[in-house]
PDB file of N, CA and C in Angstrom:
ATOM      1  N   MET A   1     118.854  92.050  91.858  1.00  0.00           N
ATOM      2  CA  MET A   1     117.338  92.010  92.181  1.00  0.00           C
ATOM      3  C   MET A   1     117.348  93.174  92.494  1.00  0.00           C
ATOM      4  N   GLU A   2     116.082  93.819  92.399  1.00  0.00           N
ATOM      5  CA  GLU A   2     115.284  94.880  92.793  1.00  0.00           C
ATOM      6  C   GLU A   2     114.724  94.875  94.166  1.00  0.00           C
ATOM      7  N   PRO A   3     115.278  95.883  95.134  1.00  0.00           N
ATOM      8  CA  PRO A   3     114.920  95.951  96.284  1.00  0.00           C
ATOM      9  C   PRO A   3     113.022  95.893  96.181  1.00  0.00           C
ATOM     10  N   MET A   4     112.498  95.473  97.338  1.00  0.00           N
ATOM     11  CA  MET A   4     111.026  95.285  97.531  1.00  0.00           C
ATOM     12  C   MET A   4     110.415  96.714  97.579  1.00  0.00           C
ATOM     13  N   LYS A   5     109.746  96.957  96.899  1.00  0.00           N
ATOM     14  CA  LYS A   5     109.122  98.175  96.920  1.00  0.00           C
ATOM     15  C   LYS A   5     108.021  98.504  97.984  1.00  0.00           C
ATOM     16  N   PHE A   6     107.387  99.466  98.999  1.00  0.00           N
ATOM     17  CA  PHE A   6     106.474  99.312  99.296  1.00  0.00           C
ATOM     18  C   PHE A   6     105.345 100.590  99.203  1.00  0.00           C
ATOM     19  N   CYS A   7     103.944 100.347  99.585  1.00  0.00           N
ATOM     20  CA  CYS A   7     103.247 101.385  99.510  1.00  0.00           C
ATOM     21  C   CYS A   7     103.923 102.532 100.149  1.00  0.00           C
ATOM     22  N   GLN A   8     103.638 103.756  99.730  1.00  0.00           N
ATOM     23  CA  GLN A   8     104.299 104.956 100.432  1.00  0.00           C
ATOM     24  C   GLN A   8     102.883 105.634 101.043  1.00  0.00           C
ATOM     25  N   SER A   9     101.946 104.877 101.432  1.00  0.00           N
ATOM     26  CA  SER A   9     101.048 105.462 102.200  1.00  0.00           C
ATOM     27  C   SER A   9     100.763 104.222 103.272  1.00  0.00           C
ATOM     28  N   CYS A  10     100.685 103.020 103.104  1.00  0.00           N
ATOM     29  CA  CYS A  10     100.253 102.107 104.436  1.00  0.00           C
ATOM     30  C   CYS A  10     101.393 101.013 104.349  1.00  0.00           C
ATOM     31  N   ARG A  11     102.513 100.929 103.538  1.00  0.00           N
ATOM     32  CA  ARG A  11     103.802 100.335 103.922  1.00  0.00           C
ATOM     33  C   ARG A  11     103.492  98.801 103.092  1.00  0.00           C
ATOM     34  N   MET A  12     102.442  98.684 102.771  1.00  0.00           N
ATOM     35  CA  MET A  12     102.200  97.271 101.831  1.00  0.00           C
ATOM     36  C   MET A  12     103.080  96.974 100.926  1.00  0.00           C
ATOM     37  N   PRO A  13     103.413  95.513 100.953  1.00  0.00           N
ATOM     38  CA  PRO A  13     104.823  95.018  99.687  1.00  0.00           C
ATOM     39  C   PRO A  13     103.687  95.614  98.062  1.00  0.00           C
ATOM     40  N   LEU A  14     104.539  96.449  97.330  1.00  0.00           N
ATOM     41  CA  LEU A  14     103.953  96.374  96.301  1.00  0.00           C
ATOM     42  C   LEU A  14     104.561  95.437  95.131  1.00  0.00           C
ATOM     43  N   SER A  15     103.333  94.980  94.200  1.00  0.00           N
ATOM     44  CA  SER A  15     103.585  94.562  93.338  1.00  0.00           C
ATOM     45  C   SER A  15     102.564  94.925  92.108  1.00  0.00           C
ATOM     46  N   ASP A  16     102.804  94.455  90.812  1.00  0.00           N
ATOM     47  CA  ASP A  16     102.199  95.150  89.881  1.00  0.00           C
ATOM     48  C   ASP A  16     100.701  94.844  89.880  1.00  0.00           C
ATOM     49  N   TYR A  17     100.155  93.600  90.267  1.00  0.00           N
ATOM     50  CA  TYR A  17      98.973  93.270  90.522  1.00  0.00           C
ATOM     51  C   TYR A  17      98.359  94.106  91.805  1.00  0.00           C
ATOM     52  N   ILE A  18      99.091  94.815  92.588  1.00  0.00           N
ATOM     53  CA  ILE A  18      98.280  95.392  93.863  1.00  0.00           C
ATOM     54  C   ILE A  18      98.579  97.019  93.940  1.00  0.00           C
ATOM     55  N   ARG A  19      98.900  97.528  92.538  1.00  0.00           N
ATOM     56  CA  ARG A  19      99.364  98.838  92.306  1.00  0.00           C
ATOM     57  C   ARG A  19      97.712  99.718  92.166  1.00  0.00           C
ATOM     58  N   GLY A  20      97.911 100.985  92.778  1.00  0.00           N
ATOM     59  CA  GLY A  20      96.999 101.657  92.353  1.00  0.00           C
ATOM     60  C   GLY A  20      96.851 102.213  91.247  1.00  0.00           C
ATOM     61  N   THR A  21      95.809 103.344  90.588  1.00  0.00           N
ATOM     62  CA  THR A  21      96.046 103.735  89.383  1.00  0.00           C
ATOM     63  C   THR A  21      96.218 105.386  89.652  1.00  0.00           C
ATOM     64  N   GLU A  22      96.513 105.842  88.763  1.00  0.00           N
ATOM     65  CA  GLU A  22      96.674 107.431  88.496  1.00  0.00           C
ATOM     66  C   GLU A  22      95.129 107.607  87.561  1.00  0.00           C
ATOM     67  N   ARG A  23      95.206 109.096  87.249  1.00  0.00           N
ATOM     68  CA  ARG A  23      93.892 109.510  86.664  1.00  0.00           C
ATOM     69  C   ARG A  23      93.731 108.930  85.510  1.00  0.00           C
ATOM     70  N   ASP A  24      94.704 108.592  84.677  1.00  0.00           N
ATOM     71  CA  ASP A  24      94.916 108.310  83.152  1.00  0.00           C
ATOM     72  C   ASP A  24      94.869 106.719  82.952  1.00  0.00           C
ATOM     73  N   GLY A  25      94.965 106.130  84.389  1.00  0.00           N
ATOM     74  CA  GLY A  25      94.575 104.260  84.382  1.00  0.00           C
ATOM     75  C   GLY A  25      95.964 103.910  84.501  1.00  0.00           C
ATOM     76  N   SER A  26      96.692 104.602  84.277  1.00  0.00           N
ATOM     77  CA  SER A  26      98.353 103.714  84.415  1.00  0.00           C
ATOM     78  C   SER A  26      98.644 103.599  85.915  1.00  0.00           C
ATOM     79  N   LYS A  27      99.449 102.524  86.068  1.00  0.00           N
ATOM     80  CA  LYS A  27      99.554 102.010  87.423  1.00  0.00           C
ATOM     81  C   LYS A  27     100.310 102.826  88.258  1.00  0.00           C
ATOM     82  N   SER A  28     100.224 103.147  89.226  1.00  0.00           N
ATOM     83  CA  SER A  28     100.557 103.905  90.435  1.00  0.00           C
ATOM     84  C   SER A  28     102.437 103.457  90.902  1.00  0.00           C
ATOM     85  N   ALA A  29     103.318 104.311  90.578  1.00  0.00           N
ATOM     86  CA  ALA A  29     104.905 103.925  90.821  1.00  0.00           C
ATOM     87  C   ALA A  29     104.907 104.109  92.525  1.00  0.00           C
ATOM     88  N   ASP A  30     103.754 104.368  93.691  1.00  0.00           N
ATOM     89  CA  ASP A  30     104.181 104.662  94.814  1.00  0.00           C
ATOM     90  C   ASP A  30     102.866 103.926  95.674  1.00  0.00           C
ATOM     91  N   TYR A  31     101.867 103.807  95.124  1.00  0.00           N
ATOM     92  CA  TYR A  31     100.547 103.047  95.986  1.00  0.00           C
ATOM     93  C   TYR A  31      99.872 102.354  95.877  1.00  0.00           C
ATOM     94  N   CYS A  32      99.291 101.754  96.422  1.00  0.00           N
ATOM     95  CA  CYS A  32      98.494 100.462  96.453  1.00  0.00           C
ATOM     96  C   CYS A  32      97.291 100.973  96.256  1.00  0.00           C
ATOM     97  N   ILE A  33      96.235  99.687  95.684  1.00  0.00           N
ATOM     98  CA  ILE A  33      94.926 100.184  95.365  1.00  0.00           C
ATOM     99  C   ILE A  33      94.273 100.041  96.529  1.00  0.00           C
ATOM    100  N   SER A  34      94.621 100.003  97.740  1.00  0.00           N
ATOM    101  CA  SER A  34      93.830 100.123  98.551  1.00  0.00           C
ATOM    102  C   SER A  34      93.826 101.663  99.594  1.00  0.00           C
ATOM    103  N   CYS A  35      94.909 102.137  98.615  1.00  0.00           N
ATOM    104  CA  CYS A  35      95.077 103.551  99.056  1.00  0.00           C
ATOM    105  C   CYS A  35      95.148 104.726  98.215  1.00  0.00           C
ATOM    106  N   TYR A  36      95.068 104.071  96.998  1.00  0.00           N
ATOM    107  CA  TYR A  36      95.037 105.299  95.889  1.00  0.00           C
ATOM    108  C   TYR A  36      94.515 104.585  94.429  1.00  0.00           C
ATOM    109  N   GLU A  37      93.527 105.584  93.664  1.00  0.00           N
ATOM    110  CA  GLU A  37      92.686 105.038  92.853  1.00  0.00           C
ATOM    111  C   GLU A  37      92.533 106.145  92.284  1.00  0.00           C
ATOM    112  N   ASN A  38      92.519 106.128  90.936  1.00  0.00           N
ATOM    113  CA  ASN A  38      91.647 107.283  89.996  1.00  0.00           C
ATOM    114  C   ASN A  38      93.034 108.410  90.215  1.00  0.00           C
ATOM    115  N   GLY A  39      94.181 108.423  90.659  1.00  0.00           N
ATOM    116  CA  GLY A  39      94.943 109.557  91.012  1.00  0.00           C
ATOM    117  C   GLY A  39      94.402 110.205  92.561  1.00  0.00           C
ATOM    118  N   GLU A  40      93.825 109.574  93.121  1.00  0.00           N
ATOM    119  CA  GLU A  40      93.635 110.118  94.634  1.00  0.00           C
ATOM    120  C   GLU A  40      93.496 109.366  96.022  1.00  0.00           C
ATOM    121  N   PHE A  41      93.760 109.786  96.928  1.00  0.00           N
ATOM    122  CA  PHE A  41      93.926 108.834  97.955  1.00  0.00           C
ATOM    123  C   PHE A  41      92.289 108.205  98.209  1.00  0.00           C
ATOM    124  N   THR A  42      92.068 106.979  98.703  1.00  0.00           N
ATOM    125  CA  THR A  42      90.971 106.261  99.076  1.00  0.00           C
ATOM    126  C   THR A  42      90.244 106.780  99.976  1.00  0.00           C
ATOM    127  N   GLN A  43      91.018 107.016 101.220  1.00  0.00           N
ATOM    128  CA  GLN A  43      90.736 107.331 102.577  1.00  0.00           C
ATOM    129  C   GLN A  43      91.349 108.659 102.812  1.00  0.00           C
ATOM    130  N   ASP A  44      90.539 109.654 103.538  1.00  0.00           N
ATOM    131  CA  ASP A  44      90.730 110.534 104.086  1.00  0.00           C
ATOM    132  C   ASP A  44      91.009 110.593 105.492  1.00  0.00           C
ATOM    133  N   CYS A  45      92.147 110.018 106.008  1.00  0.00           N
ATOM    134  CA  CYS A  45      92.795 109.769 107.026  1.00  0.00           C
ATOM    135  C   CYS A  45      94.001 110.378 107.713  1.00  0.00           C
ATOM    136  N   THR A  46      94.394 110.395 109.177  1.00  0.00           N
ATOM    137  CA  THR A  46      95.399 110.834 109.610  1.00  0.00           C
ATOM    138  C   THR A  46      96.632 109.574 109.592  1.00  0.00           C
ATOM    139  N   MET A  47      97.886 109.670 109.862  1.00  0.00           N
ATOM    140  CA  MET A  47      98.769 108.666 109.605  1.00  0.00           C
ATOM    141  C   MET A  47      98.732 108.077 110.602  1.00  0.00           C
ATOM    142  N   GLU A  48      98.648 108.567 112.025  1.00  0.00           N
ATOM    143  CA  GLU A  48      98.069 107.484 113.286  1.00  0.00           C
ATOM    144  C   GLU A  48      96.845 106.779 112.791  1.00  0.00           C
ATOM    145  N   GLU A  49      95.561 107.096 112.455  1.00  0.00           N
ATOM    146  CA  GLU A  49      94.509 106.203 111.889  1.00  0.00           C
ATOM    147  C   GLU A  49      94.957 105.040 111.049  1.00  0.00           C
ATOM    148  N   MET A  50      95.861 105.227 109.766  1.00  0.00           N
ATOM    149  CA  MET A  50      96.461 104.373 109.382  1.00  0.00           C
ATOM    150  C   MET A  50      97.158 103.354 109.926  1.00  0.00           C
ATOM    151  N   ILE A  51      98.075 103.761 110.673  1.00  0.00           N
ATOM    152  CA  ILE A  51      98.878 102.885 111.497  1.00  0.00           C
ATOM    153  C   ILE A  51      97.772 102.020 112.459  1.00  0.00           C
ATOM    154  N   LEU A  52      96.915 102.645 112.988  1.00  0.00           N
ATOM    155  CA  LEU A  52      95.976 101.313 113.877  1.00  0.00           C
ATOM    156  C   LEU A  52      95.186 100.566 112.444  1.00  0.00           C
ATOM    157  N   GLN A  53      94.806 101.373 111.638  1.00  0.00           N
ATOM    158  CA  GLN A  53      94.123 100.318 110.555  1.00  0.00           C
ATOM    159  C   GLN A  53      95.235  99.385 110.271  1.00  0.00           C
ATOM    160  N   ARG A  54      96.333  99.436 110.052  1.00  0.00           N
ATOM    161  CA  ARG A  54      97.239  98.487 109.375  1.00  0.00           C
ATOM    162  C   ARG A  54      97.507  97.657 110.360  1.00  0.00           C
ATOM    163  N   ALA A  55      98.112  97.943 111.540  1.00  0.00           N
ATOM    164  CA  ALA A  55      98.714  97.309 112.156  1.00  0.00           C
ATOM    165  C   ALA A  55      98.096  95.630 112.615  1.00  0.00           C
ATOM    166  N   PRO A  56      97.098  95.237 112.616  1.00  0.00           N
ATOM    167  CA  PRO A  56      96.910  94.106 112.664  1.00  0.00           C
ATOM    168  C   PRO A  56      96.723  93.200 111.409  1.00  0.00           C
ATOM    169  N   LEU A  57      97.152  93.853 110.720  1.00  0.00           N
ATOM    170  CA  LEU A  57      97.548  93.189 109.243  1.00  0.00           C
ATOM    171  C   LEU A  57      99.050  92.845 109.368  1.00  0.00           C
ATOM    172  N   PHE A  58     100.037  94.187 109.954  1.00  0.00           N
ATOM    173  CA  PHE A  58     101.015  93.717 109.534  1.00  0.00           C
ATOM    174  C   PHE A  58     101.648  92.686 110.774  1.00  0.00           C
ATOM    175  N   ALA A  59     100.807  92.629 112.368  1.00  0.00           N
ATOM    176  CA  ALA A  59     101.037  91.752 113.236  1.00  0.00           C
ATOM    177  C   ALA A  59     100.480  90.360 112.679  1.00  0.00           C
ATOM    178  N   ASP A  60      99.465  90.179 111.796  1.00  0.00           N
ATOM    179  CA  ASP A  60      99.195  88.823 111.569  1.00  0.00           C
ATOM    180  C   ASP A  60     100.171  88.465 110.195  1.00  0.00           C
ATOM    181  N   SER A  61     101.106  89.247 109.744  1.00  0.00           N
ATOM    182  CA  SER A  61     102.008  88.721 108.390  1.00  0.00           C
ATOM    183  C   SER A  61     103.477  88.544 109.359  1.00  0.00           C
ATOM    184  N   ASN A  62     103.703  88.630 110.531  1.00  0.00           N
ATOM    185  CA  ASN A  62     104.655  88.596 111.231  1.00  0.00           C
ATOM    186  C   ASN A  62     104.027  87.974 112.914  1.00  0.00           C
ATOM    187  N   PRO A  63     104.249  86.607 112.569  1.00  0.00           N
ATOM    188  CA  PRO A  63     103.917  85.878 113.869  1.00  0.00           C
ATOM    189  C   PRO A  63     104.186  85.868 115.468  1.00  0.00           C
ATOM    190  N   ASP A  64     105.561  86.672 115.212  1.00  0.00           N
ATOM    191  CA  ASP A  64     106.164  86.847 116.423  1.00  0.00           C
ATOM    192  C   ASP A  64     105.759  87.987 116.817  1.00  0.00           C
ATOM    193  N   MET A  65     105.235  89.035 116.191  1.00  0.00           N
ATOM    194  CA  MET A  65     104.935  90.235 116.706  1.00  0.00           C
ATOM    195  C   MET A  65     103.482  90.658 117.174  1.00  0.00           C
ATOM    196  N   SER A  66     103.618  91.328 117.835  1.00  0.00           N
ATOM    197  CA  SER A  66     102.032  91.649 118.697  1.00  0.00           C
ATOM    198  C   SER A  66     101.396  92.870 118.159  1.00  0.00           C
ATOM    199  N   PHE A  67     100.540  93.124 118.338  1.00  0.00           N
ATOM    200  CA  PHE A  67      99.619  94.198 117.823  1.00  0.00           C
ATOM    201  C   PHE A  67     100.708  95.501 118.651  1.00  0.00           C
ATOM    202  N   GLU A  68     100.575  95.540 119.750  1.00  0.00           N
ATOM    203  CA  GLU A  68     101.341  96.741 120.419  1.00  0.00           C
ATOM    204  C   GLU A  68     102.654  96.895 119.796  1.00  0.00           C
ATOM    205  N   GLU A  69     103.321  95.776 119.473  1.00  0.00           N
ATOM    206  CA  GLU A  69     104.566  95.986 118.758  1.00  0.00           C
ATOM    207  C   GLU A  69     104.671  96.617 117.429  1.00  0.00           C
ATOM    208  N   ALA A  70     103.433  95.943 116.354  1.00  0.00           N
ATOM    209  CA  ALA A  70     103.254  96.385 114.937  1.00  0.00           C
ATOM    210  C   ALA A  70     103.088  98.102 115.258  1.00  0.00           C
ATOM    211  N   VAL A  71     102.346  98.431 115.987  1.00  0.00           N
ATOM    212  CA  VAL A  71     101.808  99.730 116.227  1.00  0.00           C
ATOM    213  C   VAL A  71     103.226 100.489 116.699  1.00  0.00           C
ATOM    214  N   ALA A  72     104.085 100.112 117.190  1.00  0.00           N
ATOM    215  CA  ALA A  72     105.425 100.751 117.715  1.00  0.00           C
ATOM    216  C   ALA A  72     106.202 100.803 116.462  1.00  0.00           C
ATOM    217  N   LEU A  73     106.377 100.203 115.513  1.00  0.00           N
ATOM    218  CA  LEU A  73     106.973  99.750 114.609  1.00  0.00           C
ATOM    219  C   LEU A  73     106.555 100.503 113.345  1.00  0.00           C
ATOM    220  N   LEU A  74     105.387 100.448 113.402  1.00  0.00           N
ATOM    221  CA  LEU A  74     104.747 101.302 112.056  1.00  0.00           C
ATOM    222  C   LEU A  74     104.896 102.832 112.604  1.00  0.00           C
ATOM    223  N   ARG A  75     105.040 103.329 113.517  1.00  0.00           N
ATOM    224  CA  ARG A  75     104.933 104.365 114.245  1.00  0.00           C
ATOM    225  C   ARG A  75     106.519 105.301 114.095  1.00  0.00           C
ATOM    226  N   GLU A  76     107.574 104.414 113.490  1.00  0.00           N
ATOM    227  CA  GLU A  76     108.704 104.616 113.293  1.00  0.00           C
ATOM    228  C   GLU A  76     108.720 104.165 111.636  1.00  0.00           C
ATOM    229  N   LEU A  77     108.187 103.631 111.011  1.00  0.00           N
ATOM    230  CA  LEU A  77     108.363 103.703 109.518  1.00  0.00           C
ATOM    231  C   LEU A  77     107.375 104.505 108.761  1.00  0.00           C
ATOM    232  N   MET A  78     106.338 104.953 109.372  1.00  0.00           N
ATOM    233  CA  MET A  78     105.351 105.472 108.254  1.00  0.00           C
ATOM    234  C   MET A  78     105.805 106.890 108.247  1.00  0.00           C
ATOM    235  N   PRO A  79     106.269 107.792 109.128  1.00  0.00           N
ATOM    236  CA  PRO A  79     106.578 109.009 109.129  1.00  0.00           C
ATOM    237  C   PRO A  79     107.936 109.209 107.912  1.00  0.00           C
ATOM    238  N   GLN A  80     108.162 108.167 107.592  1.00  0.00           N
ATOM    239  CA  GLN A  80     109.429 107.982 106.155  1.00  0.00           C
ATOM    240  C   GLN A  80     108.755 107.759 105.039  1.00  0.00           C
ATOM    241  N   LEU A  81     107.429 107.401 104.859  1.00  0.00           N
ATOM    242  CA  LEU A  81     106.641 107.042 103.655  1.00  0.00           C
ATOM    243  C   LEU A  81     106.442 108.586 103.027  1.00  0.00           C
ATOM    244  N   LYS A  82     106.056 108.591 101.912  1.00  0.00           N
ATOM    245  CA  LYS A  82     105.792 109.957 100.763  1.00  0.00           C
ATOM    246  C   LYS A  82     104.806 110.607 101.249  1.00  0.00           C
ATOM    247  N   ARG A  83     103.869 109.660 101.069  1.00  0.00           N
ATOM    248  CA  ARG A  83     102.291 110.432 101.870  1.00  0.00           C
ATOM    249  C   ARG A  83     102.343 111.227 103.191  1.00  0.00           C
ATOM    250  N   TRP A  84     103.144 110.784 104.233  1.00  0.00           N
ATOM    251  CA  TRP A  84     103.364 111.060 105.316  1.00  0.00           C
ATOM    252  C   TRP A  84     104.530 112.209 105.432  1.00  0.00           C
ATOM    253  N   LYS A  85     105.471 112.119 104.886  1.00  0.00           N
ATOM    254  CA  LYS A  85     106.657 113.399 104.840  1.00  0.00           C
ATOM    255  C   LYS A  85     106.188 114.538 104.668  1.00  0.00           C
ATOM    256  N   ARG A  86     104.846 114.707 103.740  1.00  0.00           N
ATOM    257  CA  ARG A  86     104.368 116.079 103.437  1.00  0.00           C
ATOM    258  C   ARG A  86     103.315 116.398 104.601  1.00  0.00           C
ATOM    259  N   VAL A  87     102.851 115.592 105.250  1.00  0.00           N
ATOM    260  CA  VAL A  87     101.560 115.984 106.416  1.00  0.00           C
ATOM    261  C   VAL A  87     102.276 115.455 107.830  1.00  0.00           C
ATOM    262  N   ARG A  88     103.031 116.569 108.425  1.00  0.00           N
ATOM    263  CA  ARG A  88     103.339 116.021 109.894  1.00  0.00           C
ATOM    264  C   ARG A  88     101.996 115.666 110.440  1.00  0.00           C
ATOM    265  N   GLN A  89     101.932 114.487 111.241  1.00  0.00           N
ATOM    266  CA  GLN A  89     101.000 113.963 112.412  1.00  0.00           C
ATOM    267  C   GLN A  89     101.506 114.398 113.624  1.00  0.00           C
TER     268      GLN A  89
END
């Protein structure tokens, strides 16, 4: 079984139906539709802004995790993602 892939911008689990699109209309290998459409990022934001935006969703999907714990974990994970490796916050 292939390991789970995550959006390289927000860390949402990637599946075919949630993948963003490249300029030519093909599915993105790296980004979800919330973060990437037509070959461009949908939001001009910092990594910290993305963390604060995604932390509530992350905490909601992990019932034993508080918002603060989600923020702390995302601060560890996000710098490893392709989008944020290029731009250090």
